[in-house]
Amino acid sequence: LSAILGFGRLVRGRLSDPVSESHADAMLTAAEGLDVTLTRVFRYAQLTTGTAHVDLEHVPVTEAVEAAVNACRALARDNGVMLAIAGDVSTAPVQADLRLLTVAVRELVANDLSV
């Protein structure tokens, strides 16, 4: 898939015909979507089989939520949505892997934006 993406980007850069450019863009968009989906599937498989490296630490929930929301601001803005954290987000720490928790919350926010 990486080779397809790389080759597609090379080819796309050399096209001058609008129809061919449109087809190349569609192919790249589909391949990028497939890459994201496969990454999610592999990440899920690692987590469910216990082969993922998890660094448990005491993490304030607020930190993970803020990181996830900030990571989705550009996507939200592109969709005409203003993201804000409303209400009281618990500052109590949870035992979690901050990276994985942030990814999970970001996925939830991004899924809501793409609906």
Protein backbone atom coordinates (compact mmCIF):
# COMPACT_ATOMS: atom_id res chain seq x y z
CA LEU A 1 0.00 0.00 0.00
CA SER A 2 2.87 2.37 0.75
CA ALA A 3 4.31 1.63 -2.68
CA ILE A 4 0.95 2.35 -4.33
CA LEU A 5 0.68 5.64 -2.46
CA GLY A 6 4.23 6.64 -3.32
CA PHE A 7 3.87 5.73 -6.98
CA GLY A 8 0.49 7.42 -7.18
CA ARG A 9 1.93 10.65 -5.78
CA LEU A 10 4.78 10.51 -8.30
CA VAL A 11 2.39 9.93 -11.19
CA ARG A 12 -0.03 12.61 -9.92
CA GLY A 13 2.77 15.18 -9.92
CA ARG A 14 3.47 14.55 -13.62
CA LEU A 15 -0.09 14.73 -14.91
CA SER A 16 -1.38 17.75 -16.77
CA ASP A 17 -4.73 16.46 -18.03
CA PRO A 18 -7.59 17.44 -15.65
CA VAL A 19 -9.42 14.12 -16.15
CA SER A 20 -6.28 12.10 -15.40
CA GLU A 21 -5.55 14.32 -12.39
CA SER A 22 -9.07 13.69 -11.12
CA HIS A 23 -8.65 9.91 -11.48
CA ALA A 24 -5.25 10.02 -9.76
CA ASP A 25 -6.70 12.10 -6.92
CA ALA A 26 -9.55 9.61 -6.47
CA MET A 27 -7.08 6.70 -6.41
CA LEU A 28 -4.89 8.47 -3.85
CA THR A 29 -7.88 9.35 -1.66
CA ALA A 30 -9.06 5.73 -1.72
CA ALA A 31 -5.58 4.38 -0.96
CA GLU A 32 -5.11 6.85 1.90
CA GLY A 33 -8.50 5.85 3.33
CA LEU A 34 -7.55 2.19 3.10
CA ASP A 35 -4.24 2.94 4.82
CA VAL A 36 -6.05 4.63 7.72
CA THR A 37 -8.52 1.76 8.00
CA LEU A 38 -5.79 -0.90 7.97
CA THR A 39 -3.83 1.01 10.60
CA ARG A 40 -6.93 1.05 12.82
CA VAL A 41 -7.52 -2.68 12.28
CA PHE A 42 -3.89 -3.55 13.08
CA ARG A 43 -3.94 -1.32 16.17
CA TYR A 44 -7.16 -2.98 17.36
CA ALA A 45 -5.71 -6.45 16.69
CA GLN A 46 -2.62 -5.62 18.74
CA LEU A 47 -4.70 -4.31 21.62
CA THR A 48 -7.08 -7.27 21.69
CA THR A 49 -4.35 -9.88 21.44
CA GLY A 50 -2.22 -8.24 24.10
CA THR A 51 0.75 -7.65 21.80
CA ALA A 52 0.54 -3.84 21.89
CA HIS A 53 3.07 -2.02 24.03
CA VAL A 54 1.12 -0.17 26.71
CA ASP A 55 2.71 2.31 29.11
CA LEU A 56 0.31 2.65 32.01
CA GLU A 57 0.59 5.87 33.99
CA HIS A 58 -1.67 8.11 36.01
CA VAL A 59 -3.14 10.45 33.40
CA PRO A 60 -5.57 13.31 34.00
CA VAL A 61 -8.62 12.72 31.79
CA THR A 62 -8.58 16.41 30.87
CA GLU A 63 -5.16 16.07 29.27
CA ALA A 64 -6.29 13.26 26.94
CA VAL A 65 -9.53 15.02 26.00
CA GLU A 66 -7.75 18.32 25.27
CA ALA A 67 -5.07 16.58 23.18
CA ALA A 68 -7.70 14.71 21.15
CA VAL A 69 -9.87 17.78 20.58
CA ASN A 70 -6.84 19.86 19.57
CA ALA A 71 -5.79 17.15 17.09
CA CYS A 72 -9.23 17.32 15.44
CA ARG A 73 -9.59 21.11 15.27
CA ALA A 74 -8.40 21.39 11.65
CA LEU A 75 -10.77 18.63 10.49
CA ALA A 76 -13.61 20.27 12.39
CA ARG A 77 -12.83 23.69 10.94
CA ASP A 78 -12.77 22.19 7.41
CA ASN A 79 -16.28 20.84 8.09
CA GLY A 80 -17.54 24.15 9.46
CA VAL A 81 -17.60 22.93 13.06
CA MET A 82 -16.17 24.78 16.04
CA LEU A 83 -14.87 22.33 18.66
CA ALA A 84 -15.00 23.28 22.32
CA ILE A 85 -14.84 21.32 25.53
CA ALA A 86 -18.04 22.10 27.38
CA GLY A 87 -18.88 21.17 30.92
CA ASP A 88 -16.71 19.84 33.67
CA VAL A 89 -14.17 17.32 32.45
CA SER A 90 -12.94 15.30 35.38
CA THR A 91 -9.43 16.13 36.48
CA ALA A 92 -9.20 12.87 38.37
CA PRO A 93 -6.35 10.74 37.06
CA VAL A 94 -7.01 7.39 35.45
CA GLN A 95 -4.48 4.64 34.89
CA ALA A 96 -4.00 4.53 31.14
CA ASP A 97 -1.56 4.86 28.27
CA LEU A 98 -1.87 8.56 27.38
CA ARG A 99 -0.99 7.93 23.72
CA LEU A 100 -3.62 5.19 23.30
CA LEU A 101 -6.25 7.10 25.28
CA THR A 102 -5.66 10.20 23.15
CA VAL A 103 -5.93 8.14 19.94
CA ALA A 104 -9.20 6.59 21.13
CA VAL A 105 -10.79 9.93 22.01
CA ARG A 106 -9.49 11.48 18.76
CA GLU A 107 -11.04 8.60 16.77
CA LEU A 108 -14.40 9.21 18.46
CA VAL A 109 -14.32 12.93 17.72
CA ALA A 110 -13.15 12.38 14.13
CA ASN A 111 -15.88 9.79 13.55
CA ASP A 112 -18.51 12.29 14.68
CA LEU A 113 -17.10 14.88 12.28
CA SER A 114 -17.13 12.55 9.30
CA VAL A 115 -20.76 11.48 9.69
